Protein backbone atom coordinates (compact mmCIF):
# COMPACT_ATOMS: atom_id res chain seq x y z
CA MET A 1 62.18 -33.10 -2.71
CA LYS A 2 62.19 -36.46 -0.97
CA THR A 3 58.82 -35.91 0.73
CA SER A 4 57.06 -34.31 -2.25
CA LYS A 5 54.14 -36.15 -3.79
CA VAL A 6 55.06 -34.84 -7.24
CA ILE A 7 58.08 -33.04 -8.67
CA PHE A 8 57.29 -30.63 -11.50
CA ASP A 9 60.01 -29.33 -13.81
CA ILE A 10 59.09 -26.34 -15.95
CA GLN A 11 61.20 -24.88 -18.75
CA ALA A 12 60.48 -22.49 -21.61
CA ARG A 13 62.28 -21.47 -24.77
CA GLU A 14 61.47 -19.99 -28.18
CA GLY A 15 57.68 -19.96 -27.81
CA VAL A 16 57.32 -23.38 -26.16
CA VAL A 17 56.85 -24.10 -22.45
CA ALA A 18 57.19 -27.69 -21.22
CA ARG A 19 56.14 -29.26 -17.93
CA GLY A 20 57.49 -32.60 -16.82
CA SER A 21 56.18 -34.33 -13.69
CA MET A 22 57.50 -37.24 -11.66
CA HIS A 23 55.52 -38.94 -8.87
CA ARG A 24 57.30 -39.99 -5.70
CA GLU A 25 55.91 -43.52 -5.82
CA LYS A 26 56.71 -44.11 -9.51
CA PRO A 27 59.70 -41.97 -10.55
CA GLU A 28 60.18 -44.15 -13.60
CA ASP A 29 56.95 -42.80 -15.09
CA ILE A 30 57.24 -39.23 -16.35
CA THR A 31 54.30 -37.21 -17.65
CA MET A 32 55.01 -34.41 -20.09
CA SER A 33 52.87 -31.46 -21.20
CA VAL A 34 53.76 -28.86 -23.83
CA ARG A 35 52.03 -25.67 -24.88
CA ALA A 36 52.89 -22.71 -27.08
CA TYR A 37 53.20 -19.11 -25.92
CA PRO A 38 53.68 -15.86 -27.90
CA ILE A 39 57.30 -15.70 -29.00
CA GLU A 40 57.53 -12.06 -27.87
CA MET A 41 56.61 -13.04 -24.29
CA PRO A 42 59.58 -13.40 -21.90
CA ALA A 43 60.24 -17.05 -21.07
CA GLN A 44 60.01 -16.18 -17.37
CA CYS A 45 56.35 -15.20 -17.84
CA ALA A 46 55.64 -18.45 -19.67
CA VAL A 47 57.16 -20.45 -16.80
CA MET A 48 55.18 -18.51 -14.19
CA ASN A 49 51.97 -19.00 -16.16
CA MET A 50 52.58 -22.75 -16.25
CA VAL A 51 53.24 -22.84 -12.50
CA SER A 52 49.99 -20.93 -11.92
CA TYR A 53 48.15 -23.45 -14.09
CA CYS A 54 49.57 -26.35 -12.08
CA LEU A 55 48.66 -24.73 -8.76
CA THR A 56 45.13 -24.03 -9.94
CA MET A 57 44.81 -27.62 -11.13
CA LEU A 58 45.99 -28.95 -7.76
CA ARG A 59 43.60 -26.75 -5.80
CA GLU A 60 40.66 -27.78 -7.95
CA LYS A 61 41.51 -31.45 -7.48
CA ALA A 62 41.82 -30.95 -3.73
CA GLU A 63 38.29 -29.56 -3.61
CA GLN A 64 37.07 -32.97 -4.78
CA ASP A 65 39.69 -35.02 -2.92
CA PRO A 66 41.33 -33.38 0.13
CA SER A 67 44.06 -36.06 0.15
CA VAL A 68 45.59 -34.28 -2.85
CA LYS A 69 46.89 -31.64 -0.47
CA GLY A 70 50.49 -32.06 0.63
CA ARG A 71 54.00 -31.19 -0.49
CA TYR A 72 54.88 -30.47 -4.12
CA THR A 73 58.20 -29.44 -5.64
CA PHE A 74 58.59 -27.07 -8.60
CA ILE A 75 61.97 -26.93 -10.34
CA VAL A 76 62.26 -23.65 -12.22
CA PRO A 77 65.05 -21.51 -13.75
CA GLU A 78 67.03 -19.32 -11.36
CA ASN A 79 65.56 -16.03 -12.59
CA VAL A 80 62.08 -17.38 -11.78
CA ALA A 81 62.98 -19.15 -8.53
CA ILE A 82 64.00 -15.88 -6.87
CA ARG A 83 60.48 -14.56 -7.38
CA PHE A 84 59.01 -17.53 -5.55
CA PHE A 85 61.43 -17.10 -2.67
CA GLU A 86 60.39 -13.46 -2.48
CA ALA A 87 56.73 -14.48 -2.53
CA GLN A 88 57.30 -16.74 0.48
CA LEU A 89 58.81 -13.82 2.40
CA CYS A 90 55.74 -11.76 1.51
CA VAL A 91 53.39 -14.36 2.96
CA ASN A 92 55.52 -14.72 6.09
CA ARG A 93 55.49 -10.94 6.63
CA GLY A 94 51.93 -10.25 5.57
CA ILE A 95 52.91 -8.34 2.42
CA ASP A 96 50.87 -8.35 -0.79
CA ILE A 97 52.70 -10.58 -3.27
CA PHE A 98 51.51 -8.85 -6.43
CA SER A 99 52.62 -5.40 -5.27
CA ARG A 100 56.01 -6.73 -4.24
CA LEU A 101 56.80 -8.80 -7.35
CA ARG A 102 55.60 -6.25 -9.90
CA LYS A 103 58.58 -4.02 -10.73
CA GLN A 104 58.45 -0.68 -12.49
CA TRP A 105 60.60 -1.86 -15.41
CA MET A 106 57.99 -4.49 -16.24
CA LEU A 107 55.37 -1.88 -17.11
CA THR A 108 56.97 -0.61 -20.32
CA PRO A 109 55.02 -0.89 -23.62
CA GLN A 110 57.39 -3.55 -24.97
CA TYR A 111 55.72 -6.07 -22.65
CA ASN A 112 52.18 -5.31 -23.85
CA ILE A 113 50.30 -7.81 -25.99
CA GLU A 114 46.93 -7.72 -27.69
CA PHE A 115 44.27 -10.37 -27.18
CA VAL A 116 40.59 -10.86 -27.94
CA ASP A 117 38.31 -11.08 -24.90
CA GLU A 118 35.14 -13.17 -24.56
CA GLN A 119 33.08 -10.40 -26.13
CA GLY A 120 35.32 -10.34 -29.20
CA THR A 121 36.93 -7.02 -28.30
CA VAL A 122 40.65 -6.51 -28.80
CA GLN A 123 42.31 -5.70 -25.49
CA THR A 124 45.87 -4.81 -24.48
CA ALA A 125 47.54 -6.29 -21.41
CA ASN A 126 50.98 -6.39 -19.85
CA VAL A 127 52.37 -9.94 -19.88
CA TRP A 128 54.33 -9.43 -16.64
CA GLU A 129 51.27 -8.13 -14.79
CA LEU A 130 49.13 -11.01 -16.02
CA ALA A 131 51.75 -13.61 -15.04
CA ILE A 132 52.41 -12.16 -11.60
CA MET A 133 48.74 -11.60 -10.84
CA GLY A 134 47.83 -15.20 -11.64
CA LEU A 135 50.75 -16.47 -9.60
CA ALA A 136 50.10 -14.17 -6.66
CA ASN A 137 46.47 -15.27 -6.40
CA GLU A 138 47.52 -18.91 -5.97
CA LEU A 139 50.60 -18.36 -3.81
CA GLN A 140 48.82 -16.03 -1.40
CA VAL A 141 46.66 -19.00 -0.43
CA MET A 142 48.93 -22.00 -0.90
CA LEU A 143 52.05 -20.63 0.79
CA ASP A 144 50.11 -20.03 3.98
CA LYS A 145 51.22 -22.66 6.51
CA SER A 146 47.62 -23.25 7.60
CA SER A 147 46.45 -24.06 4.07
CA GLY A 148 47.44 -27.72 4.09
CA TRP A 149 49.78 -27.16 1.15
CA SER A 150 53.57 -27.24 1.23
CA LEU A 151 55.25 -25.81 -1.88
CA ASN A 152 58.95 -26.31 -2.46
CA PHE A 153 60.55 -24.21 -5.19
CA VAL A 154 63.97 -25.33 -6.40
CA ASN A 155 66.43 -23.22 -8.35
CA SER A 156 67.31 -25.61 -11.19
CA ARG A 157 70.93 -24.47 -11.17
CA THR A 158 71.45 -25.89 -7.67
CA LEU A 159 70.96 -29.42 -9.00
CA TYR A 160 74.36 -29.03 -10.66
CA ARG A 161 76.35 -26.32 -8.92
CA TYR A 162 76.39 -23.98 -5.92
CA GLU A 163 77.19 -20.27 -5.97
CA ILE A 164 80.07 -18.88 -3.91
CA ILE A 165 79.64 -15.36 -2.51
CA ARG A 166 81.43 -13.09 -0.06
CA GLU A 167 80.24 -13.09 3.53
CA ASP A 168 80.40 -9.28 3.60
CA GLY A 169 78.33 -8.96 0.41
CA GLY A 170 81.20 -7.46 -1.59
CA ASP A 171 82.39 -8.17 -5.12
CA VAL A 172 83.52 -11.79 -5.11
CA SER A 173 85.57 -11.27 -8.27
CA GLU A 174 88.06 -9.37 -6.12
CA ILE A 175 88.86 -12.68 -4.41
CA LEU A 176 88.15 -15.45 -6.92
CA THR A 177 89.19 -16.26 -10.47
CA ALA A 178 87.97 -18.98 -12.80
CA GLY A 179 89.90 -22.23 -12.35
CA GLN A 180 90.97 -21.39 -8.82
CA THR A 181 90.91 -24.12 -6.17
CA VAL A 182 89.01 -23.40 -2.95
CA ASN A 183 88.56 -25.39 0.25
CA PHE A 184 85.33 -25.32 2.23
CA ASN A 185 84.14 -26.69 5.55
CA ASP A 186 80.49 -26.40 6.61
CA GLY A 187 79.74 -23.77 4.00
CA VAL A 188 82.66 -21.37 4.58
CA ASP A 189 86.16 -21.32 3.14
CA THR A 190 88.94 -22.68 5.33
CA GLU A 191 91.55 -20.11 4.29
CA GLY A 192 89.90 -17.05 5.81
CA LYS A 193 89.05 -15.37 2.50
CA GLY A 194 85.56 -14.50 3.68
CA LEU A 195 83.78 -16.78 1.21
CA LYS A 196 80.62 -18.79 1.79
CA CYS A 197 78.29 -21.05 -0.16
CA ARG A 198 74.99 -19.33 -0.91
CA GLU A 199 72.78 -22.43 -1.00
CA PHE A 200 74.40 -25.16 1.11
CA ASN A 201 75.59 -24.51 4.66
CA PHE A 202 77.33 -27.90 4.88
CA LEU A 203 79.50 -27.65 1.77
CA SER A 204 82.84 -29.29 2.56
CA GLY A 205 85.83 -30.33 0.46
CA GLN A 206 88.10 -29.00 -2.25
CA PHE A 207 86.57 -27.56 -5.43
CA THR A 208 87.56 -25.88 -8.68
CA VAL A 209 85.74 -22.62 -9.30
CA THR A 210 83.94 -21.71 -12.53
CA ARG A 211 82.81 -18.23 -13.54
CA ARG A 212 79.79 -16.91 -15.41
CA ASP A 213 79.24 -13.25 -16.32
CA VAL A 214 75.60 -12.12 -16.23
CA ARG A 215 74.43 -8.97 -18.01
CA ASP A 216 71.30 -7.28 -16.61
CA ARG A 217 68.74 -5.19 -18.50
CA ASN A 218 70.86 -2.08 -17.86
CA GLN A 219 73.83 -3.78 -19.56
CA HIS A 220 75.69 -4.05 -16.27
CA VAL A 221 77.81 -7.20 -16.08
CA THR A 222 78.21 -9.11 -12.80
CA ALA A 223 80.59 -12.03 -12.30
CA HIS A 224 79.20 -15.10 -10.54
CA PHE A 225 81.33 -17.97 -9.26
CA TYR A 226 80.31 -21.58 -8.74
CA VAL A 227 81.54 -24.93 -7.49
CA PRO A 228 80.06 -28.25 -8.66
CA ARG A 229 77.47 -30.04 -6.55
CA LEU A 230 79.12 -33.40 -6.03
CA ILE A 231 77.28 -36.65 -5.36
CA GLN A 232 78.83 -39.83 -4.03
CA ALA A 233 78.25 -42.61 -6.55
CA VAL A 234 79.27 -46.22 -7.03
CA ASN A 235 80.17 -47.86 -10.31
CA GLU A 236 78.06 -51.01 -10.39
CA GLU A 237 80.46 -52.69 -12.83
CA ASP A 238 83.56 -52.69 -10.63
CA GLY A 239 82.32 -51.36 -7.27
CA SER A 240 84.54 -48.27 -7.38
CA GLN A 241 83.32 -45.07 -5.74
CA ILE A 242 83.58 -41.53 -7.08
CA SER A 243 82.32 -38.01 -6.34
CA THR A 244 80.75 -36.55 -9.45
CA THR A 245 77.89 -34.39 -10.68
CA SER A 246 74.29 -35.35 -11.35
CA ASN A 247 74.82 -34.77 -15.09
CA VAL A 248 77.56 -37.38 -15.21
CA ILE A 249 75.46 -39.90 -13.29
CA VAL A 250 72.43 -39.33 -15.52
CA ALA A 251 74.59 -39.94 -18.61
CA ASN A 252 76.22 -43.11 -17.24
CA ASP A 253 74.02 -46.17 -16.67
CA ASN A 254 76.72 -47.82 -14.58
CA LEU A 255 76.75 -45.12 -11.91
CA GLU A 256 74.32 -45.16 -9.01
CA PRO A 257 74.09 -42.66 -6.12
CA MET A 258 75.27 -44.16 -2.86
CA TYR A 259 72.85 -42.28 -0.64
CA GLN A 260 69.13 -41.53 -0.81
CA ASN A 261 69.55 -37.76 -1.00
CA GLY A 262 71.69 -38.24 -4.09
CA VAL A 263 68.98 -40.37 -5.69
CA TYR A 264 66.47 -37.53 -5.41
CA VAL A 265 68.89 -35.05 -6.98
CA VAL A 266 69.74 -37.41 -9.84
CA ASN A 267 66.06 -38.18 -10.46
CA ALA A 268 65.33 -34.45 -10.63
CA ALA A 269 68.25 -33.89 -13.02
CA TYR A 270 67.00 -36.74 -15.20
CA LEU A 271 63.51 -35.21 -15.24
CA ARG A 272 65.05 -31.94 -16.44
CA THR A 273 66.79 -33.67 -19.34
CA LYS A 274 63.48 -35.16 -20.50
CA THR A 275 61.68 -31.82 -20.19
CA ALA A 276 64.44 -30.07 -22.15
CA GLU A 277 63.99 -32.56 -24.98
CA MET A 278 60.51 -31.11 -25.56
CA LEU A 279 61.83 -27.62 -26.29
CA PRO A 280 63.05 -26.20 -29.62
CA ARG A 281 66.77 -26.59 -30.16
CA ILE A 282 69.10 -24.24 -32.00
CA LYS A 283 70.96 -26.22 -34.64
CA SER A 284 74.72 -26.45 -34.27
CA THR A 285 76.21 -26.22 -37.76
CA ARG A 286 79.21 -28.40 -38.60
CA ASN A 287 78.65 -29.25 -42.26
CA ALA A 288 77.12 -26.39 -44.27
CA THR A 289 76.52 -25.94 -47.98
CA VAL A 290 78.00 -22.60 -49.06
CA THR A 291 76.51 -20.66 -51.99
CA THR A 292 78.38 -17.68 -53.45
CA VAL A 293 76.38 -14.74 -54.84
CA GLU A 294 77.31 -11.36 -56.34
CA ALA A 295 77.86 -8.52 -53.89
CA GLU A 296 74.89 -6.61 -55.38
CA SER A 297 72.58 -9.60 -55.10
CA LYS A 298 69.48 -9.29 -52.92
CA GLN A 299 69.64 -12.99 -52.12
CA PHE A 300 70.40 -13.90 -48.51
């Protein structure tokens, strides 16, 4: 992220997709853009559509001003980031991105929407196909190393925590439990359990593991285990030093990252908090008014 001209953060929820952008030269100035999308559309599609829009915008600007070309970072949710990583492999291996990213499960009628074309005719289209096609058209060009573009896609989760997996690819839940303490050195555990850090080869230190169960579309549940991404910070009030997460630093004005790499991570985490503020929020009820009605009443 440190060499990117602009960092884009894109999030979507409940029919609203938001794009925050932070320029390398002026990280204190954040630009925000919000647009609506059909509530029945998967949020992943809305995020991909916004990324496609940004890429198209950049390419059009570069046609007028070639200096626009360069490195750009896109922070996206994990379930979207993996599609960009796959797209990069496609370009490296000469594989068509659209054919690779379009999965059979996406083509079911539940993902079809109706729209009116330029001639006023009602058409039906698959939201996954539209999103992937638009994205593939841009990435096929801009991920090519000879294009003059350098795109960096960041899994938003890695700003806060790293995933721990087994080196042999087995079920990590056979080894780890939530709350367990693990020790790592250069990305692998020091106790010979066969564990490694998925995203950071230099992970070192002692960590407490957290667990998250993820249910896929086939209702199969997989356990994932994480350790916090720690950043060295200094308390500017008393000069004390601590290792803590980007969330804690963002929330505490007295804490400042000690090293430049930490500054970039904290800036990105701060950008994400501002983008999230643009999305609809589900209300957390703590003080409700309760009305009692008869059992036969049709009032809800």
